[in-house]
Amino acid sequence: MKLIVAVIQDKDSARLSDALVEKEFQATKLASTGGFLKAGNSTLMIGVEDDKVEQVLDIIRENCQAREQLVAPISPMGGNADSYVPYPVEVQVGGATVFILPVEQFEKF
């Protein structure tokens, strides 16, 4: 058994959750915050048998695609303002960061 931990953008969480339920996978959703953009993320924990890992990864790939977004940079508080760019920059957001961990034991009460 494996535990899949997927960190995704909030915009993708409802679509991914619906797709997982449709394929009869259960997930626990946790609210999280990204470090780079300081924006809301969702972290899904999905427990699956080893032979279902690729199926879940395919569902994640289909529903959490990267895209470009304009972001207003945060002013450097007390830092070096020489490299501060005061206009929006285009960054890649979305997609998913996925960790696959072995599960030694699973209990459900």
PDB file of N, CA and C in Angstrom:
ATOM      1  N   MET A   1       0.845  -1.185   0.000  1.00  0.00           N
ATOM      2  CA  MET A   1       0.000   0.000   0.000  1.00  0.00           C
ATOM      3  C   MET A   1       0.880   1.233   0.000  1.00  0.00           C
ATOM      4  N   LYS A   2       0.369   2.297  -0.639  1.00  0.00           N
ATOM      5  CA  LYS A   2       1.086   3.573  -0.739  1.00  0.00           C
ATOM      6  C   LYS A   2       0.197   4.711  -0.255  1.00  0.00           C
ATOM      7  N   LEU A   3       0.843   5.759   0.238  1.00  0.00           N
ATOM      8  CA  LEU A   3       0.167   7.008   0.561  1.00  0.00           C
ATOM      9  C   LEU A   3       0.653   8.039  -0.440  1.00  0.00           C
ATOM     10  N   ILE A   4      -0.275   8.567  -1.243  1.00  0.00           N
ATOM     11  CA  ILE A   4       0.050   9.609  -2.204  1.00  0.00           C
ATOM     12  C   ILE A   4      -0.322  10.939  -1.570  1.00  0.00           C
ATOM     13  N   VAL A   5       0.652  11.832  -1.471  1.00  0.00           N
ATOM     14  CA  VAL A   5       0.438  13.180  -0.939  1.00  0.00           C
ATOM     15  C   VAL A   5       0.623  14.136  -2.110  1.00  0.00           C
ATOM     16  N   ALA A   6      -0.464  14.786  -2.511  1.00  0.00           N
ATOM     17  CA  ALA A   6      -0.427  15.683  -3.665  1.00  0.00           C
ATOM     18  C   ALA A   6      -0.718  17.107  -3.217  1.00  0.00           C
ATOM     19  N   VAL A   7       0.224  18.001  -3.470  1.00  0.00           N
ATOM     20  CA  VAL A   7       0.045  19.428  -3.167  1.00  0.00           C
ATOM     21  C   VAL A   7      -0.356  20.094  -4.479  1.00  0.00           C
ATOM     22  N   ILE A   8      -1.553  20.699  -4.481  1.00  0.00           N
ATOM     23  CA  ILE A   8      -2.105  21.269  -5.712  1.00  0.00           C
ATOM     24  C   ILE A   8      -2.624  22.674  -5.445  1.00  0.00           C
ATOM     25  N   GLN A   9      -2.867  23.414  -6.501  1.00  0.00           N
ATOM     26  CA  GLN A   9      -3.420  24.756  -6.360  1.00  0.00           C
ATOM     27  C   GLN A   9      -4.909  24.644  -6.012  1.00  0.00           C
ATOM     28  N   ASP A  10      -5.404  25.557  -5.173  1.00  0.00           N
ATOM     29  CA  ASP A  10      -6.809  25.534  -4.757  1.00  0.00           C
ATOM     30  C   ASP A  10      -7.765  25.473  -5.949  1.00  0.00           C
ATOM     31  N   LYS A  11      -7.421  26.161  -7.041  1.00  0.00           N
ATOM     32  CA  LYS A  11      -8.296  26.182  -8.223  1.00  0.00           C
ATOM     33  C   LYS A  11      -8.554  24.785  -8.780  1.00  0.00           C
ATOM     34  N   ASP A  12      -7.613  23.867  -8.556  1.00  0.00           N
ATOM     35  CA  ASP A  12      -7.727  22.520  -9.107  1.00  0.00           C
ATOM     36  C   ASP A  12      -8.347  21.523  -8.138  1.00  0.00           C
ATOM     37  N   SER A  13      -8.530  21.901  -6.880  1.00  0.00           N
ATOM     38  CA  SER A  13      -8.903  20.916  -5.856  1.00  0.00           C
ATOM     39  C   SER A  13     -10.297  20.317  -6.058  1.00  0.00           C
ATOM     40  N   ALA A  14     -11.280  21.129  -6.400  1.00  0.00           N
ATOM     41  CA  ALA A  14     -12.634  20.592  -6.575  1.00  0.00           C
ATOM     42  C   ALA A  14     -12.695  19.639  -7.762  1.00  0.00           C
ATOM     43  N   ARG A  15     -12.061  20.031  -8.864  1.00  0.00           N
ATOM     44  CA  ARG A  15     -12.063  19.193 -10.059  1.00  0.00           C
ATOM     45  C   ARG A  15     -11.354  17.864  -9.793  1.00  0.00           C
ATOM     46  N   LEU A  16     -10.213  17.915  -9.096  1.00  0.00           N
ATOM     47  CA  LEU A  16      -9.480  16.687  -8.786  1.00  0.00           C
ATOM     48  C   LEU A  16     -10.267  15.814  -7.826  1.00  0.00           C
ATOM     49  N   SER A  17     -10.841  16.410  -6.798  1.00  0.00           N
ATOM     50  CA  SER A  17     -11.636  15.635  -5.833  1.00  0.00           C
ATOM     51  C   SER A  17     -12.791  14.925  -6.517  1.00  0.00           C
ATOM     52  N   ASP A  18     -13.492  15.623  -7.406  1.00  0.00           N
ATOM     53  CA  ASP A  18     -14.604  15.016  -8.144  1.00  0.00           C
ATOM     54  C   ASP A  18     -14.125  13.856  -9.008  1.00  0.00           C
ATOM     55  N   ALA A  19     -12.987  14.032  -9.671  1.00  0.00           N
ATOM     56  CA  ALA A  19     -12.454  12.973 -10.536  1.00  0.00           C
ATOM     57  C   ALA A  19     -12.041  11.744  -9.724  1.00  0.00           C
ATOM     58  N   LEU A  20     -11.467  11.966  -8.545  1.00  0.00           N
ATOM     59  CA  LEU A  20     -11.081  10.841  -7.689  1.00  0.00           C
ATOM     60  C   LEU A  20     -12.308  10.076  -7.201  1.00  0.00           C
ATOM     61  N   VAL A  21     -13.337  10.804  -6.763  1.00  0.00           N
ATOM     62  CA  VAL A  21     -14.573  10.168  -6.287  1.00  0.00           C
ATOM     63  C   VAL A  21     -15.226   9.380  -7.418  1.00  0.00           C
ATOM     64  N   GLU A  22     -15.224   9.951  -8.616  1.00  0.00           N
ATOM     65  CA  GLU A  22     -15.819   9.277  -9.774  1.00  0.00           C
ATOM     66  C   GLU A  22     -15.161   7.915 -10.027  1.00  0.00           C
ATOM     67  N   LYS A  23     -13.849   7.826  -9.766  1.00  0.00           N
ATOM     68  CA  LYS A  23     -13.118   6.565  -9.954  1.00  0.00           C
ATOM     69  C   LYS A  23     -13.028   5.748  -8.660  1.00  0.00           C
ATOM     70  N   GLU A  24     -13.803   6.176  -7.640  1.00  0.00           N
ATOM     71  CA  GLU A  24     -13.934   5.469  -6.357  1.00  0.00           C
ATOM     72  C   GLU A  24     -12.657   5.458  -5.521  1.00  0.00           C
ATOM     73  N   PHE A  25     -11.896   6.563  -5.591  1.00  0.00           N
ATOM     74  CA  PHE A  25     -10.750   6.751  -4.703  1.00  0.00           C
ATOM     75  C   PHE A  25     -11.151   7.746  -3.620  1.00  0.00           C
ATOM     76  N   GLN A  26     -10.774   7.446  -2.391  1.00  0.00           N
ATOM     77  CA  GLN A  26     -11.057   8.348  -1.280  1.00  0.00           C
ATOM     78  C   GLN A  26      -9.816   9.181  -0.985  1.00  0.00           C
ATOM     79  N   ALA A  27     -10.041  10.433  -0.600  1.00  0.00           N
ATOM     80  CA  ALA A  27      -8.926  11.327  -0.299  1.00  0.00           C
ATOM     81  C   ALA A  27      -9.296  12.209   0.885  1.00  0.00           C
ATOM     82  N   THR A  28      -8.288  12.594   1.639  1.00  0.00           N
ATOM     83  CA  THR A  28      -8.456  13.572   2.708  1.00  0.00           C
ATOM     84  C   THR A  28      -7.797  14.859   2.238  1.00  0.00           C
ATOM     85  N   LYS A  29      -8.552  15.958   2.295  1.00  0.00           N
ATOM     86  CA  LYS A  29      -8.060  17.253   1.812  1.00  0.00           C
ATOM     87  C   LYS A  29      -7.666  18.126   2.993  1.00  0.00           C
ATOM     88  N   LEU A  30      -6.474  18.694   2.918  1.00  0.00           N
ATOM     89  CA  LEU A  30      -5.962  19.606   3.942  1.00  0.00           C
ATOM     90  C   LEU A  30      -5.670  20.956   3.301  1.00  0.00           C
ATOM     91  N   ALA A  31      -5.988  22.034   3.999  1.00  0.00           N
ATOM     92  CA  ALA A  31      -5.633  23.366   3.524  1.00  0.00           C
ATOM     93  C   ALA A  31      -4.154  23.599   3.797  1.00  0.00           C
ATOM     94  N   SER A  32      -3.460  24.179   2.836  1.00  0.00           N
ATOM     95  CA  SER A  32      -2.035  24.473   3.011  1.00  0.00           C
ATOM     96  C   SER A  32      -1.724  25.789   2.302  1.00  0.00           C
ATOM     97  N   THR A  33      -0.530  26.311   2.545  1.00  0.00           N
ATOM     98  CA  THR A  33      -0.121  27.574   1.935  1.00  0.00           C
ATOM     99  C   THR A  33       1.227  27.387   1.274  1.00  0.00           C
ATOM    100  N   GLY A  34       1.342  27.873   0.041  1.00  0.00           N
ATOM    101  CA  GLY A  34       2.605  27.774  -0.681  1.00  0.00           C
ATOM    102  C   GLY A  34       3.621  28.773  -0.156  1.00  0.00           C
ATOM    103  N   GLY A  35       4.868  28.420  -0.230  1.00  0.00           N
ATOM    104  CA  GLY A  35       5.923  29.285   0.267  1.00  0.00           C
ATOM    105  C   GLY A  35       6.335  30.366  -0.710  1.00  0.00           C
ATOM    106  N   PHE A  36       6.273  30.097  -2.019  1.00  0.00           N
ATOM    107  CA  PHE A  36       6.761  31.055  -3.010  1.00  0.00           C
ATOM    108  C   PHE A  36       5.761  32.181  -3.251  1.00  0.00           C
ATOM    109  N   LEU A  37       4.513  31.828  -3.580  1.00  0.00           N
ATOM    110  CA  LEU A  37       3.506  32.847  -3.878  1.00  0.00           C
ATOM    111  C   LEU A  37       2.657  33.208  -2.666  1.00  0.00           C
ATOM    112  N   LYS A  38       2.861  32.534  -1.567  1.00  0.00           N
ATOM    113  CA  LYS A  38       2.074  32.762  -0.346  1.00  0.00           C
ATOM    114  C   LYS A  38       0.579  32.613  -0.628  1.00  0.00           C
ATOM    115  N   ALA A  39       0.242  31.723  -1.542  1.00  0.00           N
ATOM    116  CA  ALA A  39      -1.147  31.514  -1.947  1.00  0.00           C
ATOM    117  C   ALA A  39      -1.669  30.197  -1.395  1.00  0.00           C
ATOM    118  N   GLY A  40      -2.986  30.093  -1.317  1.00  0.00           N
ATOM    119  CA  GLY A  40      -3.606  28.894  -0.798  1.00  0.00           C
ATOM    120  C   GLY A  40      -3.396  27.701  -1.706  1.00  0.00           C
ATOM    121  N   ASN A  41      -3.092  26.591  -1.104  1.00  0.00           N
ATOM    122  CA  ASN A  41      -2.961  25.307  -1.780  1.00  0.00           C
ATOM    123  C   ASN A  41      -3.886  24.324  -1.095  1.00  0.00           C
ATOM    124  N   SER A  42      -4.042  23.193  -1.706  1.00  0.00           N
ATOM    125  CA  SER A  42      -4.712  22.068  -1.066  1.00  0.00           C
ATOM    126  C   SER A  42      -3.752  20.901  -1.109  1.00  0.00           C
ATOM    127  N   THR A  43      -3.717  20.135  -0.036  1.00  0.00           N
ATOM    128  CA  THR A  43      -2.911  18.927   0.017  1.00  0.00           C
ATOM    129  C   THR A  43      -3.863  17.760   0.169  1.00  0.00           C
ATOM    130  N   LEU A  44      -3.814  16.834  -0.777  1.00  0.00           N
ATOM    131  CA  LEU A  44      -4.664  15.652  -0.724  1.00  0.00           C
ATOM    132  C   LEU A  44      -3.834  14.447  -0.318  1.00  0.00           C
ATOM    133  N   MET A  45      -4.349  13.681   0.617  1.00  0.00           N
ATOM    134  CA  MET A  45      -3.723  12.428   1.035  1.00  0.00           C
ATOM    135  C   MET A  45      -4.616  11.300   0.523  1.00  0.00           C
ATOM    136  N   ILE A  46      -4.034  10.419  -0.270  1.00  0.00           N
ATOM    137  CA  ILE A  46      -4.793   9.360  -0.927  1.00  0.00           C
ATOM    138  C   ILE A  46      -4.093   8.034  -0.648  1.00  0.00           C
ATOM    139  N   GLY A  47      -4.765   7.140   0.054  1.00  0.00           N
ATOM    140  CA  GLY A  47      -4.218   5.815   0.309  1.00  0.00           C
ATOM    141  C   GLY A  47      -4.695   4.850  -0.761  1.00  0.00           C
ATOM    142  N   VAL A  48      -3.748   4.152  -1.421  1.00  0.00           N
ATOM    143  CA  VAL A  48      -4.106   3.225  -2.492  1.00  0.00           C
ATOM    144  C   VAL A  48      -3.223   1.980  -2.454  1.00  0.00           C
ATOM    145  N   GLU A  49      -3.741   0.928  -3.038  1.00  0.00           N
ATOM    146  CA  GLU A  49      -2.935  -0.274  -3.216  1.00  0.00           C
ATOM    147  C   GLU A  49      -1.862   0.009  -4.269  1.00  0.00           C
ATOM    148  N   ASP A  50      -0.766  -0.721  -4.211  1.00  0.00           N
ATOM    149  CA  ASP A  50       0.368  -0.476  -5.099  1.00  0.00           C
ATOM    150  C   ASP A  50      -0.023  -0.470  -6.576  1.00  0.00           C
ATOM    151  N   ASP A  51      -0.922  -1.357  -6.979  1.00  0.00           N
ATOM    152  CA  ASP A  51      -1.283  -1.465  -8.390  1.00  0.00           C
ATOM    153  C   ASP A  51      -2.203  -0.336  -8.867  1.00  0.00           C
ATOM    154  N   LYS A  52      -2.659   0.545  -7.972  1.00  0.00           N
ATOM    155  CA  LYS A  52      -3.538   1.665  -8.333  1.00  0.00           C
ATOM    156  C   LYS A  52      -2.802   3.002  -8.380  1.00  0.00           C
ATOM    157  N   VAL A  53      -1.521   3.015  -8.036  1.00  0.00           N
ATOM    158  CA  VAL A  53      -0.761   4.272  -7.968  1.00  0.00           C
ATOM    159  C   VAL A  53      -0.759   4.987  -9.313  1.00  0.00           C
ATOM    160  N   GLU A  54      -0.460   4.283 -10.391  1.00  0.00           N
ATOM    161  CA  GLU A  54      -0.403   4.920 -11.712  1.00  0.00           C
ATOM    162  C   GLU A  54      -1.755   5.484 -12.131  1.00  0.00           C
ATOM    163  N   GLN A  55      -2.827   4.788 -11.778  1.00  0.00           N
ATOM    164  CA  GLN A  55      -4.163   5.274 -12.111  1.00  0.00           C
ATOM    165  C   GLN A  55      -4.438   6.607 -11.412  1.00  0.00           C
ATOM    166  N   VAL A  56      -4.077   6.705 -10.130  1.00  0.00           N
ATOM    167  CA  VAL A  56      -4.263   7.954  -9.388  1.00  0.00           C
ATOM    168  C   VAL A  56      -3.371   9.051  -9.955  1.00  0.00           C
ATOM    169  N   LEU A  57      -2.126   8.733 -10.300  1.00  0.00           N
ATOM    170  CA  LEU A  57      -1.230   9.733 -10.887  1.00  0.00           C
ATOM    171  C   LEU A  57      -1.787  10.254 -12.214  1.00  0.00           C
ATOM    172  N   ASP A  58      -2.388   9.387 -13.005  1.00  0.00           N
ATOM    173  CA  ASP A  58      -3.007   9.826 -14.262  1.00  0.00           C
ATOM    174  C   ASP A  58      -4.151  10.805 -13.998  1.00  0.00           C
ATOM    175  N   ILE A  59      -4.963  10.521 -12.980  1.00  0.00           N
ATOM    176  CA  ILE A  59      -6.074  11.411 -12.621  1.00  0.00           C
ATOM    177  C   ILE A  59      -5.536  12.769 -12.182  1.00  0.00           C
ATOM    178  N   ILE A  60      -4.462  12.766 -11.402  1.00  0.00           N
ATOM    179  CA  ILE A  60      -3.852  14.020 -10.953  1.00  0.00           C
ATOM    180  C   ILE A  60      -3.323  14.795 -12.163  1.00  0.00           C
ATOM    181  N   ARG A  61      -2.618  14.112 -13.063  1.00  0.00           N
ATOM    182  CA  ARG A  61      -2.072  14.776 -14.262  1.00  0.00           C
ATOM    183  C   ARG A  61      -3.176  15.416 -15.108  1.00  0.00           C
ATOM    184  N   GLU A  62      -4.296  14.722 -15.258  1.00  0.00           N
ATOM    185  CA  GLU A  62      -5.393  15.214 -16.084  1.00  0.00           C
ATOM    186  C   GLU A  62      -6.087  16.433 -15.485  1.00  0.00           C
ATOM    187  N   ASN A  63      -6.061  16.571 -14.167  1.00  0.00           N
ATOM    188  CA  ASN A  63      -6.847  17.610 -13.502  1.00  0.00           C
ATOM    189  C   ASN A  63      -6.036  18.730 -12.870  1.00  0.00           C
ATOM    190  N   CYS A  64      -4.729  18.641 -12.889  1.00  0.00           N
ATOM    191  CA  CYS A  64      -3.884  19.651 -12.247  1.00  0.00           C
ATOM    192  C   CYS A  64      -2.761  20.048 -13.194  1.00  0.00           C
ATOM    193  N   GLN A  65      -3.098  20.828 -14.193  1.00  0.00           N
ATOM    194  CA  GLN A  65      -2.107  21.209 -15.187  1.00  0.00           C
ATOM    195  C   GLN A  65      -1.527  22.586 -14.885  1.00  0.00           C
ATOM    196  N   ALA A  66      -0.266  22.741 -15.188  1.00  0.00           N
ATOM    197  CA  ALA A  66       0.421  24.018 -14.966  1.00  0.00           C
ATOM    198  C   ALA A  66      -0.069  25.055 -15.970  1.00  0.00           C
ATOM    199  N   ARG A  67      -0.054  26.306 -15.560  1.00  0.00           N
ATOM    200  CA  ARG A  67      -0.465  27.417 -16.412  1.00  0.00           C
ATOM    201  C   ARG A  67       0.306  28.667 -15.992  1.00  0.00           C
ATOM    202  N   GLU A  68       0.323  29.655 -16.852  1.00  0.00           N
ATOM    203  CA  GLU A  68       1.011  30.921 -16.569  1.00  0.00           C
ATOM    204  C   GLU A  68       0.036  31.890 -15.901  1.00  0.00           C
ATOM    205  N   GLN A  69       0.552  32.689 -14.959  1.00  0.00           N
ATOM    206  CA  GLN A  69      -0.285  33.666 -14.256  1.00  0.00           C
ATOM    207  C   GLN A  69       0.560  34.887 -13.932  1.00  0.00           C
ATOM    208  N   LEU A  70      -0.038  36.068 -14.072  1.00  0.00           N
ATOM    209  CA  LEU A  70       0.641  37.304 -13.678  1.00  0.00           C
ATOM    210  C   LEU A  70       0.505  37.474 -12.171  1.00  0.00           C
ATOM    211  N   VAL A  71       1.619  37.759 -11.522  1.00  0.00           N
ATOM    212  CA  VAL A  71       1.632  37.906 -10.068  1.00  0.00           C
ATOM    213  C   VAL A  71       2.332  39.204  -9.708  1.00  0.00           C
ATOM    214  N   ALA A  72       1.721  39.963  -8.803  1.00  0.00           N
ATOM    215  CA  ALA A  72       2.361  41.182  -8.299  1.00  0.00           C
ATOM    216  C   ALA A  72       3.373  40.782  -7.238  1.00  0.00           C
ATOM    217  N   PRO A  73       4.618  41.147  -7.416  1.00  0.00           N
ATOM    218  CA  PRO A  73       5.636  40.773  -6.432  1.00  0.00           C
ATOM    219  C   PRO A  73       5.407  41.461  -5.087  1.00  0.00           C
ATOM    220  N   ILE A  74       5.826  40.802  -4.029  1.00  0.00           N
ATOM    221  CA  ILE A  74       5.695  41.341  -2.679  1.00  0.00           C
ATOM    222  C   ILE A  74       6.889  42.245  -2.403  1.00  0.00           C
ATOM    223  N   SER A  75       6.623  43.422  -1.850  1.00  0.00           N
ATOM    224  CA  SER A  75       7.678  44.379  -1.537  1.00  0.00           C
ATOM    225  C   SER A  75       8.616  43.803  -0.486  1.00  0.00           C
ATOM    226  N   PRO A  76       9.930  43.972  -0.667  1.00  0.00           N
ATOM    227  CA  PRO A  76      10.878  43.459   0.323  1.00  0.00           C
ATOM    228  C   PRO A  76      10.865  44.317   1.583  1.00  0.00           C
ATOM    229  N   MET A  77      10.396  43.785   2.654  1.00  0.00           N
ATOM    230  CA  MET A  77      10.328  44.514   3.922  1.00  0.00           C
ATOM    231  C   MET A  77      11.685  44.429   4.618  1.00  0.00           C
ATOM    232  N   GLY A  78      12.395  45.526   4.647  1.00  0.00           N
ATOM    233  CA  GLY A  78      13.675  45.573   5.334  1.00  0.00           C
ATOM    234  C   GLY A  78      14.801  44.919   4.554  1.00  0.00           C
ATOM    235  N   GLY A  79      14.501  44.384   3.373  1.00  0.00           N
ATOM    236  CA  GLY A  79      15.523  43.735   2.568  1.00  0.00           C
ATOM    237  C   GLY A  79      16.125  44.697   1.571  1.00  0.00           C
ATOM    238  N   ASN A  80      16.911  44.161   0.699  1.00  0.00           N
ATOM    239  CA  ASN A  80      17.554  44.962  -0.331  1.00  0.00           C
ATOM    240  C   ASN A  80      16.538  45.288  -1.416  1.00  0.00           C
ATOM    241  N   ALA A  81      16.209  46.549  -1.597  1.00  0.00           N
ATOM    242  CA  ALA A  81      15.217  46.979  -2.577  1.00  0.00           C
ATOM    243  C   ALA A  81      15.821  47.169  -3.963  1.00  0.00           C
ATOM    244  N   ASP A  82      17.137  46.984  -4.112  1.00  0.00           N
ATOM    245  CA  ASP A  82      17.784  47.173  -5.411  1.00  0.00           C
ATOM    246  C   ASP A  82      17.261  46.202  -6.457  1.00  0.00           C
ATOM    247  N   SER A  83      16.973  44.994  -6.062  1.00  0.00           N
ATOM    248  CA  SER A  83      16.526  43.983  -7.022  1.00  0.00           C
ATOM    249  C   SER A  83      15.000  43.865  -7.055  1.00  0.00           C
ATOM    250  N   TYR A  84      14.304  44.722  -6.368  1.00  0.00           N
ATOM    251  CA  TYR A  84      12.837  44.680  -6.331  1.00  0.00           C
ATOM    252  C   TYR A  84      12.252  45.153  -7.653  1.00  0.00           C
ATOM    253  N   VAL A  85      11.361  44.361  -8.224  1.00  0.00           N
ATOM    254  CA  VAL A  85      10.698  44.692  -9.487  1.00  0.00           C
ATOM    255  C   VAL A  85       9.248  45.039  -9.160  1.00  0.00           C
ATOM    256  N   PRO A  86       8.840  46.322  -9.297  1.00  0.00           N
ATOM    257  CA  PRO A  86       7.525  46.757  -8.841  1.00  0.00           C
ATOM    258  C   PRO A  86       6.359  46.434  -9.786  1.00  0.00           C
ATOM    259  N   TYR A  87       6.582  45.715 -10.863  1.00  0.00           N
ATOM    260  CA  TYR A  87       5.495  45.412 -11.785  1.00  0.00           C
ATOM    261  C   TYR A  87       5.242  43.901 -11.810  1.00  0.00           C
ATOM    262  N   PRO A  88       4.035  43.490 -12.220  1.00  0.00           N
ATOM    263  CA  PRO A  88       3.699  42.063 -12.220  1.00  0.00           C
ATOM    264  C   PRO A  88       4.643  41.243 -13.105  1.00  0.00           C
ATOM    265  N   VAL A  89       4.900  40.036 -12.674  1.00  0.00           N
ATOM    266  CA  VAL A  89       5.723  39.107 -13.443  1.00  0.00           C
ATOM    267  C   VAL A  89       4.898  37.858 -13.735  1.00  0.00           C
ATOM    268  N   GLU A  90       5.223  37.196 -14.829  1.00  0.00           N
ATOM    269  CA  GLU A  90       4.511  35.981 -15.199  1.00  0.00           C
ATOM    270  C   GLU A  90       5.238  34.780 -14.604  1.00  0.00           C
ATOM    271  N   VAL A  91       4.491  33.953 -13.860  1.00  0.00           N
ATOM    272  CA  VAL A  91       5.070  32.762 -13.247  1.00  0.00           C
ATOM    273  C   VAL A  91       4.205  31.560 -13.606  1.00  0.00           C
ATOM    274  N   GLN A  92       4.811  30.398 -13.502  1.00  0.00           N
ATOM    275  CA  GLN A  92       4.070  29.169 -13.747  1.00  0.00           C
ATOM    276  C   GLN A  92       3.423  28.728 -12.436  1.00  0.00           C
ATOM    277  N   VAL A  93       2.104  28.490 -12.472  1.00  0.00           N
ATOM    278  CA  VAL A  93       1.370  28.029 -11.294  1.00  0.00           C
ATOM    279  C   VAL A  93       0.605  26.764 -11.670  1.00  0.00           C
ATOM    280  N   GLY A  94       0.032  26.156 -10.679  1.00  0.00           N
ATOM    281  CA  GLY A  94      -0.749  24.949 -10.924  1.00  0.00           C
ATOM    282  C   GLY A  94       0.134  23.730 -10.984  1.00  0.00           C
ATOM    283  N   GLY A  95      -0.381  22.709 -11.632  1.00  0.00           N
ATOM    284  CA  GLY A  95       0.341  21.454 -11.639  1.00  0.00           C
ATOM    285  C   GLY A  95       0.192  20.788 -10.287  1.00  0.00           C
ATOM    286  N   ALA A  96       1.075  19.891  -9.978  1.00  0.00           N
ATOM    287  CA  ALA A  96       1.012  19.184  -8.700  1.00  0.00           C
ATOM    288  C   ALA A  96       2.411  18.777  -8.281  1.00  0.00           C
ATOM    289  N   THR A  97       2.625  18.790  -6.986  1.00  0.00           N
ATOM    290  CA  THR A  97       3.829  18.210  -6.406  1.00  0.00           C
ATOM    291  C   THR A  97       3.363  16.980  -5.657  1.00  0.00           C
ATOM    292  N   VAL A  98       3.877  15.819  -6.039  1.00  0.00           N
ATOM    293  CA  VAL A  98       3.355  14.552  -5.523  1.00  0.00           C
ATOM    294  C   VAL A  98       4.459  13.759  -4.834  1.00  0.00           C
ATOM    295  N   PHE A  99       4.144  13.267  -3.649  1.00  0.00           N
ATOM    296  CA  PHE A  99       5.029  12.388  -2.899  1.00  0.00           C
ATOM    297  C   PHE A  99       4.331  11.036  -2.781  1.00  0.00           C
ATOM    298  N   ILE A 100       5.064   9.961  -2.976  1.00  0.00           N
ATOM    299  CA  ILE A 100       4.504   8.618  -2.838  1.00  0.00           C
ATOM    300  C   ILE A 100       5.295   7.913  -1.749  1.00  0.00           C
ATOM    301  N   LEU A 101       4.590   7.562  -0.675  1.00  0.00           N
ATOM    302  CA  LEU A 101       5.232   6.993   0.503  1.00  0.00           C
ATOM    303  C   LEU A 101       4.738   5.569   0.751  1.00  0.00           C
ATOM    304  N   PRO A 102       5.612   4.688   1.206  1.00  0.00           N
ATOM    305  CA  PRO A 102       5.158   3.347   1.556  1.00  0.00           C
ATOM    306  C   PRO A 102       4.359   3.383   2.860  1.00  0.00           C
ATOM    307  N   VAL A 103       3.333   2.554   2.947  1.00  0.00           N
ATOM    308  CA  VAL A 103       2.517   2.464   4.155  1.00  0.00           C
ATOM    309  C   VAL A 103       2.770   1.098   4.780  1.00  0.00           C
ATOM    310  N   GLU A 104       3.249   1.112   6.002  1.00  0.00           N
ATOM    311  CA  GLU A 104       3.542  -0.138   6.684  1.00  0.00           C
ATOM    312  C   GLU A 104       2.279  -0.814   7.191  1.00  0.00           C
ATOM    313  N   GLN A 105       1.350   0.001   7.683  1.00  0.00           N
ATOM    314  CA  GLN A 105       0.120  -0.561   8.235  1.00  0.00           C
ATOM    315  C   GLN A 105      -1.010   0.453   8.067  1.00  0.00           C
ATOM    316  N   PHE A 106      -2.227  -0.036   7.828  1.00  0.00           N
ATOM    317  CA  PHE A 106      -3.385   0.822   7.652  1.00  0.00           C
ATOM    318  C   PHE A 106      -4.535   0.256   8.481  1.00  0.00           C
ATOM    319  N   GLU A 107      -5.164   1.106   9.264  1.00  0.00           N
ATOM    320  CA  GLU A 107      -6.318   0.715  10.081  1.00  0.00           C
ATOM    321  C   GLU A 107      -7.436   1.713   9.838  1.00  0.00           C
ATOM    322  N   LYS A 108      -8.663   1.225   9.728  1.00  0.00           N
ATOM    323  CA  LYS A 108      -9.801   2.108   9.571  1.00  0.00           C
ATOM    324  C   LYS A 108     -10.871   1.636  10.565  1.00  0.00           C
ATOM    325  N   PHE A 109     -11.282   2.523  11.450  1.00  0.00           N
ATOM    326  CA  PHE A 109     -12.249   2.148  12.492  1.00  0.00           C
ATOM    327  C   PHE A 109     -13.566   2.823  12.261  1.00  0.00           C
TER     328      PHE A 109
END
